[in-house]
């Protein structure tokens, strides 16, 4: 019996390579948003206001924050689509 027949219904909607690529896109979008762009968007006004009198930093801050928010939303959407395609909201471990 093939290994895929033991999996829950709808678990093999995407071929394994496609699932891997989609999962990597989900992780990269989420990591870039939460570990790089959003914290950087917080630090820009914190230090730029102290170093200069102009407001040149505000468009930079806004762009970085919007980019981080867009990537976070993309990560959520990718994760939601993967869960919906597999018939589950989140991957379930085999021991559960």
Protein backbone atom coordinates (compact mmCIF):
# COMPACT_ATOMS: atom_id res chain seq x y z
CA UNK A 1 0.00 0.00 0.00
CA UNK A 2 1.43 3.46 -0.87
CA UNK A 3 2.32 5.75 2.01
CA UNK A 4 -0.07 8.43 0.75
CA UNK A 5 -3.12 6.20 1.30
CA UNK A 6 -2.57 6.33 5.08
CA UNK A 7 -2.78 10.13 5.16
CA UNK A 8 -6.02 12.01 5.89
CA UNK A 9 -8.37 12.85 3.06
CA UNK A 10 -7.17 15.80 1.01
CA UNK A 11 -3.65 15.79 2.45
CA UNK A 12 -1.99 15.32 -0.94
CA UNK A 13 -3.57 18.22 -2.78
CA UNK A 14 -0.14 19.57 -3.82
CA UNK A 15 2.83 17.47 -4.95
CA UNK A 16 5.58 17.32 -2.28
CA UNK A 17 7.87 19.73 -4.11
CA UNK A 18 5.08 22.29 -4.42
CA UNK A 19 4.23 21.94 -0.73
CA UNK A 20 7.88 22.45 0.17
CA UNK A 21 8.11 25.59 -1.93
CA UNK A 22 4.88 27.00 -0.56
CA UNK A 23 6.01 26.23 3.00
CA UNK A 24 9.36 27.94 2.38
CA UNK A 25 7.55 31.01 0.99
CA UNK A 26 5.33 31.08 4.09
CA UNK A 27 8.31 30.86 6.45
CA UNK A 28 10.43 33.41 4.55
CA UNK A 29 7.60 35.96 4.38
CA UNK A 30 6.83 35.55 8.06
CA UNK A 31 10.46 35.66 9.17
CA UNK A 32 11.32 38.72 7.09
CA UNK A 33 8.26 40.54 8.38
CA UNK A 34 8.55 39.75 12.07
CA UNK A 35 12.31 39.45 12.51
CA UNK A 36 13.59 42.16 10.19
CA UNK A 37 11.19 44.70 8.71
CA UNK A 38 8.78 45.40 11.58
CA UNK A 39 11.53 45.77 14.22
CA UNK A 40 13.57 47.91 11.81
CA UNK A 41 10.49 50.08 11.25
CA UNK A 42 10.30 50.62 15.00
CA UNK A 43 13.99 51.47 15.34
CA UNK A 44 14.08 53.99 12.48
CA UNK A 45 12.07 56.75 14.24
CA UNK A 46 13.56 55.89 17.62
CA UNK A 47 17.09 56.77 16.52
CA UNK A 48 16.48 59.04 13.51
CA UNK A 49 14.50 61.58 15.56
CA UNK A 50 17.37 61.88 18.01
CA UNK A 51 20.01 62.31 15.29
CA UNK A 52 18.29 64.86 13.04
CA UNK A 53 15.85 67.72 13.17
CA UNK A 54 14.12 66.93 9.85
CA UNK A 55 11.36 64.43 9.24
CA UNK A 56 13.17 62.57 6.44
CA UNK A 57 12.85 59.37 8.45
CA UNK A 58 9.04 59.27 8.42
CA UNK A 59 8.56 58.11 4.78
CA UNK A 60 11.29 55.51 5.35
CA UNK A 61 9.61 54.33 8.57
CA UNK A 62 6.22 54.17 6.86
CA UNK A 63 7.56 52.24 3.87
CA UNK A 64 9.37 49.69 6.01
CA UNK A 65 6.32 49.21 8.25
CA UNK A 66 3.99 48.81 5.26
CA UNK A 67 6.38 46.33 3.66
CA UNK A 68 6.56 44.32 6.89
CA UNK A 69 2.79 44.37 7.25
CA UNK A 70 2.32 43.25 3.63
CA UNK A 71 4.75 40.34 4.13
CA UNK A 72 3.03 39.33 7.39
CA UNK A 73 -0.35 39.32 5.66
CA UNK A 74 1.13 37.31 2.78
CA UNK A 75 2.55 34.76 5.23
CA UNK A 76 -0.84 34.43 6.92
CA UNK A 77 -2.63 34.06 3.59
CA UNK A 78 -0.17 31.40 2.38
CA UNK A 79 -0.55 29.48 5.63
CA UNK A 80 -4.31 29.72 5.49
CA UNK A 81 -4.37 28.47 1.89
CA UNK A 82 -2.14 25.52 2.75
CA UNK A 83 -4.34 24.61 5.70
CA UNK A 84 -7.54 24.98 3.69
CA UNK A 85 -6.15 22.83 0.88
CA UNK A 86 -5.18 20.09 3.32
CA UNK A 87 -8.46 20.25 5.21
CA UNK A 88 -6.88 21.36 8.49
CA UNK A 89 -6.16 24.69 10.10
CA UNK A 90 -2.63 23.67 11.14
CA UNK A 91 -0.46 20.59 10.49
CA UNK A 92 -1.22 17.90 13.04
CA UNK A 93 1.60 15.74 14.35
CA UNK A 94 1.27 11.98 13.79
CA UNK A 95 1.35 11.34 17.56
CA UNK A 96 -1.69 13.54 18.21
